[in-house]
Amino acid sequence: SFGALVRRVLRRGEGEPAGEPEPVAIPYDDADRL
């Protein structure tokens, strides 16, 4: 569910592509990027 929120902010264009949403790599192992 956090990945879905991140996709809303990072996605390009107006809509999600059809089909399965693309996974988002959450940088939880990199404190600065997180």
Full PDB file with SEQRES, HELIX, SHEET, SSBOND, CRYST1, ORIGX, SCALE, CONECT and MASTER records, all heavy atoms in Angstrom:
SEQRES   1 A   34  SER PHE GLY ALA LEU VAL ARG ARG VAL LEU ARG ARG GLY          
SEQRES   2 A   34  GLU GLY GLU PRO ALA GLY GLU PRO GLU PRO VAL ALA ILE          
SEQRES   3 A   34  PRO TYR ASP ASP ALA ASP ARG LEU                              
HELIX    1 AA1 PHE A    2  LEU A   10  1                                   9    
CRYST1    1.000    1.000    1.000  90.00  90.00  90.00 P 1           1          
ORIGX1      1.000000  0.000000  0.000000        0.00000                         
ORIGX2      0.000000  1.000000  0.000000        0.00000                         
ORIGX3      0.000000  0.000000  1.000000        0.00000                         
SCALE1      1.000000  0.000000  0.000000        0.00000                         
SCALE2      0.000000  1.000000  0.000000        0.00000                         
SCALE3      0.000000  0.000000  1.000000        0.00000                         
ATOM      1  N   SER A   1       0.829  -1.205   0.000  1.00  0.00           N  
ATOM      2  CA  SER A   1       0.000   0.000   0.000  1.00  0.00           C  
ATOM      3  C   SER A   1       0.868   1.262   0.000  1.00  0.00           C  
ATOM      4  O   SER A   1       0.504   2.261  -0.623  1.00  0.00           O  
ATOM      5  CB  SER A   1      -0.978  -0.006   1.182  1.00  0.00           C  
ATOM      6  OG  SER A   1      -0.294  -0.015   2.411  1.00  0.00           O  
ATOM      7  N   PHE A   2       2.027   1.207   0.653  1.00  0.00           N  
ATOM      8  CA  PHE A   2       2.941   2.345   0.599  1.00  0.00           C  
ATOM      9  C   PHE A   2       3.466   2.521  -0.822  1.00  0.00           C  
ATOM     10  O   PHE A   2       3.557   3.641  -1.327  1.00  0.00           O  
ATOM     11  CB  PHE A   2       4.099   2.165   1.581  1.00  0.00           C  
ATOM     12  CG  PHE A   2       5.026   3.340   1.609  1.00  0.00           C  
ATOM     13  CD1 PHE A   2       4.616   4.546   2.145  1.00  0.00           C  
ATOM     14  CD2 PHE A   2       6.301   3.237   1.090  1.00  0.00           C  
ATOM     15  CE1 PHE A   2       5.470   5.639   2.174  1.00  0.00           C  
ATOM     16  CE2 PHE A   2       7.159   4.323   1.106  1.00  0.00           C  
ATOM     17  CZ  PHE A   2       6.742   5.533   1.651  1.00  0.00           C  
ATOM     18  N   GLY A   3       3.795   1.419  -1.485  1.00  0.00           N  
ATOM     19  CA  GLY A   3       4.253   1.479  -2.874  1.00  0.00           C  
ATOM     20  C   GLY A   3       3.219   2.126  -3.778  1.00  0.00           C  
ATOM     21  O   GLY A   3       3.552   2.884  -4.691  1.00  0.00           O  
ATOM     22  N   ALA A   4       1.929   1.857  -3.530  1.00  0.00           N  
ATOM     23  CA  ALA A   4       0.873   2.482  -4.332  1.00  0.00           C  
ATOM     24  C   ALA A   4       0.865   3.994  -4.123  1.00  0.00           C  
ATOM     25  O   ALA A   4       0.691   4.760  -5.073  1.00  0.00           O  
ATOM     26  CB  ALA A   4      -0.489   1.887  -3.967  1.00  0.00           C  
ATOM     27  N   LEU A   5       1.097   4.429  -2.890  1.00  0.00           N  
ATOM     28  CA  LEU A   5       1.171   5.873  -2.633  1.00  0.00           C  
ATOM     29  C   LEU A   5       2.373   6.488  -3.341  1.00  0.00           C  
ATOM     30  O   LEU A   5       2.275   7.567  -3.929  1.00  0.00           O  
ATOM     31  CB  LEU A   5       1.267   6.138  -1.131  1.00  0.00           C  
ATOM     32  CG  LEU A   5       0.017   5.860  -0.314  1.00  0.00           C  
ATOM     33  CD1 LEU A   5       0.319   5.945   1.174  1.00  0.00           C  
ATOM     34  CD2 LEU A   5      -1.093   6.816  -0.694  1.00  0.00           C  
ATOM     35  N   VAL A   6       3.509   5.800  -3.292  1.00  0.00           N  
ATOM     36  CA  VAL A   6       4.718   6.309  -3.941  1.00  0.00           C  
ATOM     37  C   VAL A   6       4.501   6.397  -5.447  1.00  0.00           C  
ATOM     38  O   VAL A   6       4.873   7.394  -6.074  1.00  0.00           O  
ATOM     39  CB  VAL A   6       5.933   5.418  -3.605  1.00  0.00           C  
ATOM     40  CG1 VAL A   6       7.147   5.811  -4.431  1.00  0.00           C  
ATOM     41  CG2 VAL A   6       6.258   5.504  -2.116  1.00  0.00           C  
ATOM     42  N   ARG A   7       3.861   5.383  -6.041  1.00  0.00           N  
ATOM     43  CA  ARG A   7       3.587   5.413  -7.489  1.00  0.00           C  
ATOM     44  C   ARG A   7       2.748   6.621  -7.866  1.00  0.00           C  
ATOM     45  O   ARG A   7       2.947   7.212  -8.919  1.00  0.00           O  
ATOM     46  CB  ARG A   7       2.881   4.134  -7.935  1.00  0.00           C  
ATOM     47  CG  ARG A   7       3.805   2.980  -8.183  1.00  0.00           C  
ATOM     48  CD  ARG A   7       3.104   1.829  -8.900  1.00  0.00           C  
ATOM     49  NE  ARG A   7       1.939   1.323  -8.194  1.00  0.00           N  
ATOM     50  CZ  ARG A   7       1.976   0.479  -7.163  1.00  0.00           C  
ATOM     51  NH1 ARG A   7       3.131   0.049  -6.703  1.00  0.00           N  
ATOM     52  NH2 ARG A   7       0.868   0.064  -6.589  1.00  0.00           N  
ATOM     53  N   ARG A   8       1.803   6.989  -7.004  1.00  0.00           N  
ATOM     54  CA  ARG A   8       0.966   8.159  -7.303  1.00  0.00           C  
ATOM     55  C   ARG A   8       1.804   9.420  -7.444  1.00  0.00           C  
ATOM     56  O   ARG A   8       1.471  10.308  -8.218  1.00  0.00           O  
ATOM     57  CB  ARG A   8      -0.066   8.365  -6.201  1.00  0.00           C  
ATOM     58  CG  ARG A   8      -1.208   7.392  -6.294  1.00  0.00           C  
ATOM     59  CD  ARG A   8      -2.144   7.480  -5.133  1.00  0.00           C  
ATOM     60  NE  ARG A   8      -2.727   8.798  -4.914  1.00  0.00           N  
ATOM     61  CZ  ARG A   8      -3.493   9.077  -3.860  1.00  0.00           C  
ATOM     62  NH1 ARG A   8      -3.754   8.142  -2.967  1.00  0.00           N  
ATOM     63  NH2 ARG A   8      -3.987  10.289  -3.718  1.00  0.00           N  
ATOM     64  N   VAL A   9       2.885   9.499  -6.694  1.00  0.00           N  
ATOM     65  CA  VAL A   9       3.736  10.691  -6.740  1.00  0.00           C  
ATOM     66  C   VAL A   9       4.768  10.591  -7.849  1.00  0.00           C  
ATOM     67  O   VAL A   9       5.055  11.570  -8.529  1.00  0.00           O  
ATOM     68  CB  VAL A   9       4.425  10.903  -5.370  1.00  0.00           C  
ATOM     69  CG1 VAL A   9       5.451  12.011  -5.431  1.00  0.00           C  
ATOM     70  CG2 VAL A   9       3.378  11.195  -4.306  1.00  0.00           C  
ATOM     71  N   LEU A  10       5.324   9.415  -8.071  1.00  0.00           N  
ATOM     72  CA  LEU A  10       6.437   9.256  -9.005  1.00  0.00           C  
ATOM     73  C   LEU A  10       6.023   8.916 -10.431  1.00  0.00           C  
ATOM     74  O   LEU A  10       6.853   8.991 -11.334  1.00  0.00           O  
ATOM     75  CB  LEU A  10       7.393   8.169  -8.509  1.00  0.00           C  
ATOM     76  CG  LEU A  10       8.046   8.413  -7.159  1.00  0.00           C  
ATOM     77  CD1 LEU A  10       8.974   7.257  -6.816  1.00  0.00           C  
ATOM     78  CD2 LEU A  10       8.795   9.732  -7.134  1.00  0.00           C  
ATOM     79  N   ARG A  11       4.767   8.516 -10.645  1.00  0.00           N  
ATOM     80  CA  ARG A  11       4.373   8.070 -11.983  1.00  0.00           C  
ATOM     81  C   ARG A  11       4.497   9.188 -13.011  1.00  0.00           C  
ATOM     82  O   ARG A  11       4.372  10.368 -12.703  1.00  0.00           O  
ATOM     83  CB  ARG A  11       2.955   7.513 -11.960  1.00  0.00           C  
ATOM     84  CG  ARG A  11       1.915   8.566 -11.742  1.00  0.00           C  
ATOM     85  CD  ARG A  11       0.537   7.959 -11.717  1.00  0.00           C  
ATOM     86  NE  ARG A  11      -0.420   9.003 -11.398  1.00  0.00           N  
ATOM     87  CZ  ARG A  11      -1.531   8.805 -10.748  1.00  0.00           C  
ATOM     88  NH1 ARG A  11      -1.849   7.604 -10.359  1.00  0.00           N  
ATOM     89  NH2 ARG A  11      -2.337   9.799 -10.499  1.00  0.00           N  
ATOM     90  N   ARG A  12       4.704   8.784 -14.223  1.00  0.00           N  
ATOM     91  CA  ARG A  12       4.797   9.725 -15.346  1.00  0.00           C  
ATOM     92  C   ARG A  12       3.446   9.738 -16.053  1.00  0.00           C  
ATOM     93  O   ARG A  12       2.786   8.715 -16.175  1.00  0.00           O  
ATOM     94  CB  ARG A  12       5.874   9.274 -16.338  1.00  0.00           C  
ATOM     95  CG  ARG A  12       7.218   9.031 -15.716  1.00  0.00           C  
ATOM     96  CD  ARG A  12       8.004  10.335 -15.653  1.00  0.00           C  
ATOM     97  NE  ARG A  12       9.385  10.100 -15.290  1.00  0.00           N  
ATOM     98  CZ  ARG A  12       9.863  10.237 -14.061  1.00  0.00           C  
ATOM     99  NH1 ARG A  12       9.081  10.550 -13.074  1.00  0.00           N  
ATOM    100  NH2 ARG A  12      11.137  10.048 -13.808  1.00  0.00           N  
ATOM    101  N   GLY A  13       3.029  10.863 -16.543  1.00  0.00           N  
ATOM    102  CA  GLY A  13       1.772  10.936 -17.279  1.00  0.00           C  
ATOM    103  C   GLY A  13       0.590  11.000 -16.342  1.00  0.00           C  
ATOM    104  O   GLY A  13       0.727  11.099 -15.134  1.00  0.00           O  
ATOM    105  N   GLU A  14      -0.581  10.917 -16.900  1.00  0.00           N  
ATOM    106  CA  GLU A  14      -1.798  11.115 -16.138  1.00  0.00           C  
ATOM    107  C   GLU A  14      -2.359   9.856 -15.504  1.00  0.00           C  
ATOM    108  O   GLU A  14      -3.027   9.922 -14.508  1.00  0.00           O  
ATOM    109  CB  GLU A  14      -2.880  11.736 -17.033  1.00  0.00           C  
ATOM    110  CG  GLU A  14      -2.650  13.192 -17.288  1.00  0.00           C  
ATOM    111  CD  GLU A  14      -2.599  14.015 -16.003  1.00  0.00           C  
ATOM    112  OE1 GLU A  14      -3.536  13.933 -15.186  1.00  0.00           O  
ATOM    113  OE2 GLU A  14      -1.605  14.720 -15.820  1.00  0.00           O  
ATOM    114  N   GLY A  15      -2.114   8.692 -16.083  1.00  0.00           N  
ATOM    115  CA  GLY A  15      -2.761   7.507 -15.537  1.00  0.00           C  
ATOM    116  C   GLY A  15      -1.805   6.353 -15.355  1.00  0.00           C  
ATOM    117  O   GLY A  15      -0.726   6.319 -15.906  1.00  0.00           O  
ATOM    118  N   GLU A  16      -2.259   5.416 -14.551  1.00  0.00           N  
ATOM    119  CA  GLU A  16      -1.510   4.174 -14.383  1.00  0.00           C  
ATOM    120  C   GLU A  16      -1.646   3.366 -15.665  1.00  0.00           C  
ATOM    121  O   GLU A  16      -2.697   3.362 -16.286  1.00  0.00           O  
ATOM    122  CB  GLU A  16      -2.095   3.359 -13.227  1.00  0.00           C  
ATOM    123  CG  GLU A  16      -1.896   3.976 -11.870  1.00  0.00           C  
ATOM    124  CD  GLU A  16      -0.517   3.716 -11.309  1.00  0.00           C  
ATOM    125  OE1 GLU A  16       0.190   2.836 -11.832  1.00  0.00           O  
ATOM    126  OE2 GLU A  16      -0.141   4.404 -10.369  1.00  0.00           O  
ATOM    127  N   PRO A  17      -0.601   2.681 -16.090  1.00  0.00           N  
ATOM    128  CA  PRO A  17      -0.743   1.822 -17.256  1.00  0.00           C  
ATOM    129  C   PRO A  17      -1.711   0.676 -16.954  1.00  0.00           C  
ATOM    130  O   PRO A  17      -1.896   0.312 -15.805  1.00  0.00           O  
ATOM    131  CB  PRO A  17       0.675   1.296 -17.487  1.00  0.00           C  
ATOM    132  CG  PRO A  17       1.433   1.588 -16.245  1.00  0.00           C  
ATOM    133  CD  PRO A  17       0.714   2.667 -15.511  1.00  0.00           C  
ATOM    134  N   ALA A  18      -2.312   0.156 -18.006  1.00  0.00           N  
ATOM    135  CA  ALA A  18      -3.244  -0.956 -17.822  1.00  0.00           C  
ATOM    136  C   ALA A  18      -2.495  -2.173 -17.305  1.00  0.00           C  
ATOM    137  O   ALA A  18      -1.301  -2.326 -17.511  1.00  0.00           O  
ATOM    138  CB  ALA A  18      -3.919  -1.275 -19.156  1.00  0.00           C  
ATOM    139  N   GLY A  19      -3.202  -3.034 -16.604  1.00  0.00           N  
ATOM    140  CA  GLY A  19      -2.595  -4.256 -16.091  1.00  0.00           C  
ATOM    141  C   GLY A  19      -2.038  -4.057 -14.699  1.00  0.00           C  
ATOM    142  O   GLY A  19      -2.399  -3.138 -13.982  1.00  0.00           O  
ATOM    143  N   GLU A  20      -1.145  -4.962 -14.313  1.00  0.00           N  
ATOM    144  CA  GLU A  20      -0.532  -4.924 -12.983  1.00  0.00           C  
ATOM    145  C   GLU A  20       0.299  -3.660 -12.811  1.00  0.00           C  
ATOM    146  O   GLU A  20       1.058  -3.300 -13.700  1.00  0.00           O  
ATOM    147  CB  GLU A  20       0.398  -6.129 -12.793  1.00  0.00           C  
ATOM    148  CG  GLU A  20      -0.234  -7.368 -12.241  1.00  0.00           C  
ATOM    149  CD  GLU A  20      -0.980  -7.173 -10.939  1.00  0.00           C  
ATOM    150  OE1 GLU A  20      -0.372  -6.806  -9.916  1.00  0.00           O  
ATOM    151  OE2 GLU A  20      -2.188  -7.399 -10.943  1.00  0.00           O  
ATOM    152  N   PRO A  21       0.199  -2.996 -11.658  1.00  0.00           N  
ATOM    153  CA  PRO A  21       1.034  -1.820 -11.438  1.00  0.00           C  
ATOM    154  C   PRO A  21       2.503  -2.229 -11.305  1.00  0.00           C  
ATOM    155  O   PRO A  21       2.822  -3.297 -10.805  1.00  0.00           O  
ATOM    156  CB  PRO A  21       0.508  -1.250 -10.123  1.00  0.00           C  
ATOM    157  CG  PRO A  21      -0.226  -2.353  -9.465  1.00  0.00           C  
ATOM    158  CD  PRO A  21      -0.689  -3.281 -10.548  1.00  0.00           C  
ATOM    159  N   GLU A  22       3.356  -1.368 -11.794  1.00  0.00           N  
ATOM    160  CA  GLU A  22       4.785  -1.621 -11.728  1.00  0.00           C  
ATOM    161  C   GLU A  22       5.255  -1.534 -10.281  1.00  0.00           C  
ATOM    162  O   GLU A  22       4.857  -0.635  -9.543  1.00  0.00           O  
ATOM    163  CB  GLU A  22       5.495  -0.541 -12.547  1.00  0.00           C  
ATOM    164  CG  GLU A  22       6.756  -1.027 -13.189  1.00  0.00           C  
ATOM    165  CD  GLU A  22       7.305   0.034 -14.117  1.00  0.00           C  
ATOM    166  OE1 GLU A  22       6.645   0.329 -15.123  1.00  0.00           O  
ATOM    167  OE2 GLU A  22       8.382   0.549 -13.798  1.00  0.00           O  
ATOM    168  N   PRO A  23       6.086  -2.469  -9.809  1.00  0.00           N  
ATOM    169  CA  PRO A  23       6.556  -2.402  -8.425  1.00  0.00           C  
ATOM    170  C   PRO A  23       7.443  -1.176  -8.221  1.00  0.00           C  
ATOM    171  O   PRO A  23       8.080  -0.699  -9.143  1.00  0.00           O  
ATOM    172  CB  PRO A  23       7.345  -3.696  -8.233  1.00  0.00           C  
ATOM    173  CG  PRO A  23       7.570  -4.246  -9.583  1.00  0.00           C  
ATOM    174  CD  PRO A  23       6.605  -3.610 -10.531  1.00  0.00           C  
ATOM    175  N   VAL A  24       7.433  -0.684  -7.004  1.00  0.00           N  
ATOM    176  CA  VAL A  24       8.259   0.461  -6.651  1.00  0.00           C  
ATOM    177  C   VAL A  24       9.325  -0.024  -5.689  1.00  0.00           C  
ATOM    178  O   VAL A  24       9.019  -0.682  -4.695  1.00  0.00           O  
ATOM    179  CB  VAL A  24       7.410   1.561  -5.974  1.00  0.00           C  
ATOM    180  CG1 VAL A  24       8.286   2.683  -5.470  1.00  0.00           C  
ATOM    181  CG2 VAL A  24       6.374   2.089  -6.942  1.00  0.00           C  
ATOM    182  N   ALA A  25      10.587   0.287  -5.994  1.00  0.00           N  
ATOM    183  CA  ALA A  25      11.681  -0.086  -5.099  1.00  0.00           C  
ATOM    184  C   ALA A  25      11.769   0.958  -3.989  1.00  0.00           C  
ATOM    185  O   ALA A  25      12.162   2.095  -4.226  1.00  0.00           O  
ATOM    186  CB  ALA A  25      12.994  -0.168  -5.866  1.00  0.00           C  
ATOM    187  N   ILE A  26      11.359   0.587  -2.793  1.00  0.00           N  
ATOM    188  CA  ILE A  26      11.422   1.499  -1.658  1.00  0.00           C  
ATOM    189  C   ILE A  26      12.818   1.389  -1.070  1.00  0.00           C  
ATOM    190  O   ILE A  26      13.251   0.302  -0.680  1.00  0.00           O  
ATOM    191  CB  ILE A  26      10.355   1.130  -0.611  1.00  0.00           C  
ATOM    192  CG1 ILE A  26       8.967   1.246  -1.233  1.00  0.00           C  
ATOM    193  CG2 ILE A  26      10.477   2.030   0.615  1.00  0.00           C  
ATOM    194  CD1 ILE A  26       7.878   0.647  -0.401  1.00  0.00           C  
ATOM    195  N   PRO A  27      13.549   2.505  -0.990  1.00  0.00           N  
ATOM    196  CA  PRO A  27      14.950   2.454  -0.553  1.00  0.00           C  
ATOM    197  C   PRO A  27      15.102   2.379   0.961  1.00  0.00           C  
ATOM    198  O   PRO A  27      15.803   3.177   1.573  1.00  0.00           O  
ATOM    199  CB  PRO A  27      15.513   3.765  -1.110  1.00  0.00           C  
ATOM    200  CG  PRO A  27      14.357   4.701  -1.066  1.00  0.00           C  
ATOM    201  CD  PRO A  27      13.151   3.845  -1.385  1.00  0.00           C  
ATOM    202  N   TYR A  28      14.426   1.405   1.607  1.00  0.00           N  
ATOM    203  CA  TYR A  28      14.486   1.327   3.059  1.00  0.00           C  
ATOM    204  C   TYR A  28      15.868   0.962   3.577  1.00  0.00           C  
ATOM    205  O   TYR A  28      16.151   1.137   4.746  1.00  0.00           O  
ATOM    206  CB  TYR A  28      13.424   0.377   3.612  1.00  0.00           C  
ATOM    207  CG  TYR A  28      13.562  -1.051   3.149  1.00  0.00           C  
ATOM    208  CD1 TYR A  28      14.376  -1.936   3.820  1.00  0.00           C  
ATOM    209  CD2 TYR A  28      12.853  -1.501   2.044  1.00  0.00           C  
ATOM    210  CE1 TYR A  28      14.496  -3.248   3.407  1.00  0.00           C  
ATOM    211  CE2 TYR A  28      12.965  -2.806   1.621  1.00  0.00           C  
ATOM    212  CZ  TYR A  28      13.793  -3.670   2.307  1.00  0.00           C  
ATOM    213  OH  TYR A  28      13.916  -4.965   1.887  1.00  0.00           O  
ATOM    214  N   ASP A  29      16.742   0.461   2.701  1.00  0.00           N  
ATOM    215  CA  ASP A  29      18.106   0.124   3.125  1.00  0.00           C  
ATOM    216  C   ASP A  29      19.087   1.266   2.873  1.00  0.00           C  
ATOM    217  O   ASP A  29      20.273   1.132   3.105  1.00  0.00           O  
ATOM    218  CB  ASP A  29      18.581  -1.151   2.423  1.00  0.00           C  
ATOM    219  CG  ASP A  29      18.523  -1.023   0.914  1.00  0.00           C  
ATOM    220  OD1 ASP A  29      17.860  -0.097   0.408  1.00  0.00           O  
ATOM    221  OD2 ASP A  29      19.138  -1.864   0.232  1.00  0.00           O  
ATOM    222  N   ASP A  30      18.597   2.408   2.422  1.00  0.00           N  
ATOM    223  CA  ASP A  30      19.428   3.589   2.161  1.00  0.00           C  
ATOM    224  C   ASP A  30      18.763   4.771   2.867  1.00  0.00           C  
ATOM    225  O   ASP A  30      17.810   5.362   2.361  1.00  0.00           O  
ATOM    226  CB  ASP A  30      19.518   3.829   0.650  1.00  0.00           C  
ATOM    227  CG  ASP A  30      20.412   4.993   0.277  1.00  0.00           C  
ATOM    228  OD1 ASP A  30      20.573   5.931   1.090  1.00  0.00           O  
ATOM    229  OD2 ASP A  30      20.946   4.972  -0.848  1.00  0.00           O  
ATOM    230  N   ALA A  31      19.278   5.121   4.036  1.00  0.00           N  
ATOM    231  CA  ALA A  31      18.639   6.135   4.881  1.00  0.00           C  
ATOM    232  C   ALA A  31      18.495   7.474   4.172  1.00  0.00           C  
ATOM    233  O   ALA A  31      17.458   8.140   4.305  1.00  0.00           O  
ATOM    234  CB  ALA A  31      19.428   6.301   6.181  1.00  0.00           C  
ATOM    235  N   ASP A  32      19.498   7.893   3.420  1.00  0.00           N  
ATOM    236  CA  ASP A  32      19.424   9.190   2.735  1.00  0.00           C  
ATOM    237  C   ASP A  32      18.343   9.200   1.669  1.00  0.00           C  
ATOM    238  O   ASP A  32      17.556  10.143   1.579  1.00  0.00           O  
ATOM    239  CB  ASP A  32      20.775   9.553   2.109  1.00  0.00           C  
ATOM    240  CG  ASP A  32      21.837   9.852   3.151  1.00  0.00           C  
ATOM    241  OD1 ASP A  32      21.471  10.264   4.280  1.00  0.00           O  
ATOM    242  OD2 ASP A  32      23.030   9.680   2.844  1.00  0.00           O  
ATOM    243  N   ARG A  33      18.291   8.141   0.852  1.00  0.00           N  
ATOM    244  CA  ARG A  33      17.274   8.087  -0.208  1.00  0.00           C  
ATOM    245  C   ARG A  33      15.877   7.948   0.375  1.00  0.00           C  
ATOM    246  O   ARG A  33      14.920   8.533  -0.129  1.00  0.00           O  
ATOM    247  CB  ARG A  33      17.577   6.943  -1.167  1.00  0.00           C  
ATOM    248  CG  ARG A  33      18.769   7.255  -2.065  1.00  0.00           C  
ATOM    249  CD  ARG A  33      19.063   6.168  -3.083  1.00  0.00           C  
ATOM    250  NE  ARG A  33      17.911   5.873  -3.903  1.00  0.00           N  
ATOM    251  CZ  ARG A  33      17.495   4.636  -4.196  1.00  0.00           C  
ATOM    252  NH1 ARG A  33      18.160   3.589  -3.746  1.00  0.00           N  
ATOM    253  NH2 ARG A  33      16.451   4.433  -4.955  1.00  0.00           N  
ATOM    254  N   LEU A  34      15.742   7.187   1.460  1.00  0.00           N  
ATOM    255  CA  LEU A  34      14.433   7.039   2.092  1.00  0.00           C  
ATOM    256  C   LEU A  34      13.975   8.378   2.661  1.00  0.00           C  
ATOM    257  O   LEU A  34      12.812   8.752   2.529  1.00  0.00           O  
ATOM    258  CB  LEU A  34      14.474   5.975   3.187  1.00  0.00           C  
ATOM    259  CG  LEU A  34      13.153   5.709   3.904  1.00  0.00           C  
ATOM    260  CD1 LEU A  34      12.044   5.342   2.928  1.00  0.00           C  
ATOM    261  CD2 LEU A  34      13.337   4.619   4.945  1.00  0.00           C  
TER     262      LEU A  34                                                      
MASTER        0    0    0    1    0    0    0    6  261    1    0    3          
END                                                                             
